[in-house]
């Protein structure tokens, strides 16, 4: 299989998503709160140029399990 940036990006997004799902499933266990506690990363560009205005908000949630999922996805990608 030929490796390229698109496949790596797909692997990273899937690893992040799977890690987030696992973190959400384990939130009810208080002993694992250090793995499931998410930090929000937010970016909000906006402009008002008289004829057009925009307001975009991008928010990313990152937990330790999400990071582990990303690392596992990169490891799997390198193993291909």
Protein backbone atom coordinates (compact mmCIF):
# COMPACT_ATOMS: atom_id res chain seq x y z
CA UNK A 1 0.00 0.00 0.00
CA UNK A 2 1.36 3.40 -0.97
CA UNK A 3 1.58 5.77 1.98
CA UNK A 4 0.44 9.36 1.54
CA UNK A 5 -0.72 12.33 3.58
CA UNK A 6 -4.42 11.68 2.97
CA UNK A 7 -4.26 8.17 4.42
CA UNK A 8 -2.24 9.42 7.40
CA UNK A 9 -4.82 12.16 8.03
CA UNK A 10 -7.62 9.59 7.87
CA UNK A 11 -5.80 7.34 10.34
CA UNK A 12 -5.23 10.26 12.74
CA UNK A 13 -8.88 11.35 12.61
CA UNK A 14 -10.14 7.80 13.13
CA UNK A 15 -7.73 7.27 16.04
CA UNK A 16 -8.89 10.54 17.60
CA UNK A 17 -12.54 9.59 17.14
CA UNK A 18 -12.13 6.10 18.57
CA UNK A 19 -10.17 7.48 21.55
CA UNK A 20 -12.93 10.04 22.17
CA UNK A 21 -15.61 7.33 22.03
CA UNK A 22 -13.72 5.20 24.53
CA UNK A 23 -13.26 8.24 26.80
CA UNK A 24 -16.99 8.98 26.63
CA UNK A 25 -17.81 5.35 27.45
CA UNK A 26 -15.47 5.38 30.49
CA UNK A 27 -16.63 8.73 31.95
CA UNK A 28 -18.84 7.00 34.51
CA UNK A 29 -15.78 5.46 36.21
CA UNK A 30 -14.38 8.05 38.61
CA UNK A 31 -11.05 6.24 38.94
CA UNK A 32 -10.33 6.87 35.26
CA UNK A 33 -11.07 10.59 35.27
CA UNK A 34 -7.46 11.44 34.43
CA UNK A 35 -7.91 9.58 31.12
CA UNK A 36 -11.36 10.92 30.24
CA UNK A 37 -11.06 14.60 31.24
CA UNK A 38 -11.19 16.61 28.01
CA UNK A 39 -9.61 19.97 27.29
CA UNK A 40 -11.27 22.25 24.77
CA UNK A 41 -9.16 23.95 22.12
CA UNK A 42 -11.14 26.75 20.50
CA UNK A 43 -10.58 29.10 17.56
CA UNK A 44 -13.09 31.79 16.52
CA UNK A 45 -12.17 33.95 13.53
CA UNK A 46 -14.65 36.66 12.65
CA UNK A 47 -14.77 39.73 10.43
CA UNK A 48 -17.17 42.47 9.41
CA UNK A 49 -16.21 43.98 6.05
CA UNK A 50 -19.38 46.08 5.45
CA UNK A 51 -20.56 43.92 2.53
CA UNK A 52 -19.84 40.55 4.09
CA UNK A 53 -19.36 39.32 7.61
CA UNK A 54 -18.54 35.92 9.01
CA UNK A 55 -18.21 34.25 12.36
CA UNK A 56 -16.73 30.75 12.50
CA UNK A 57 -16.12 28.71 15.64
CA UNK A 58 -13.94 25.61 15.63
CA UNK A 59 -13.69 23.67 18.89
CA UNK A 60 -11.61 20.53 19.41
CA UNK A 61 -11.90 18.27 22.45
CA UNK A 62 -8.68 16.50 23.44
CA UNK A 63 -8.38 13.93 26.22
CA UNK A 64 -5.57 11.59 27.15
CA UNK A 65 -7.41 8.65 25.57
CA UNK A 66 -7.83 10.66 22.36
CA UNK A 67 -4.10 11.30 22.33
CA UNK A 68 -3.44 7.59 22.88
CA UNK A 69 -5.79 6.84 19.96
CA UNK A 70 -3.86 9.24 17.72
CA UNK A 71 -0.53 7.68 18.72
CA UNK A 72 -1.90 4.17 18.06
CA UNK A 73 -3.22 5.30 14.65
CA UNK A 74 0.18 6.71 13.64
CA UNK A 75 1.84 3.51 14.84
CA UNK A 76 -0.58 1.42 12.75
CA UNK A 77 0.01 3.66 9.74
CA UNK A 78 3.77 3.17 10.02
CA UNK A 79 3.28 -0.61 10.25
CA UNK A 80 1.52 -0.68 6.84
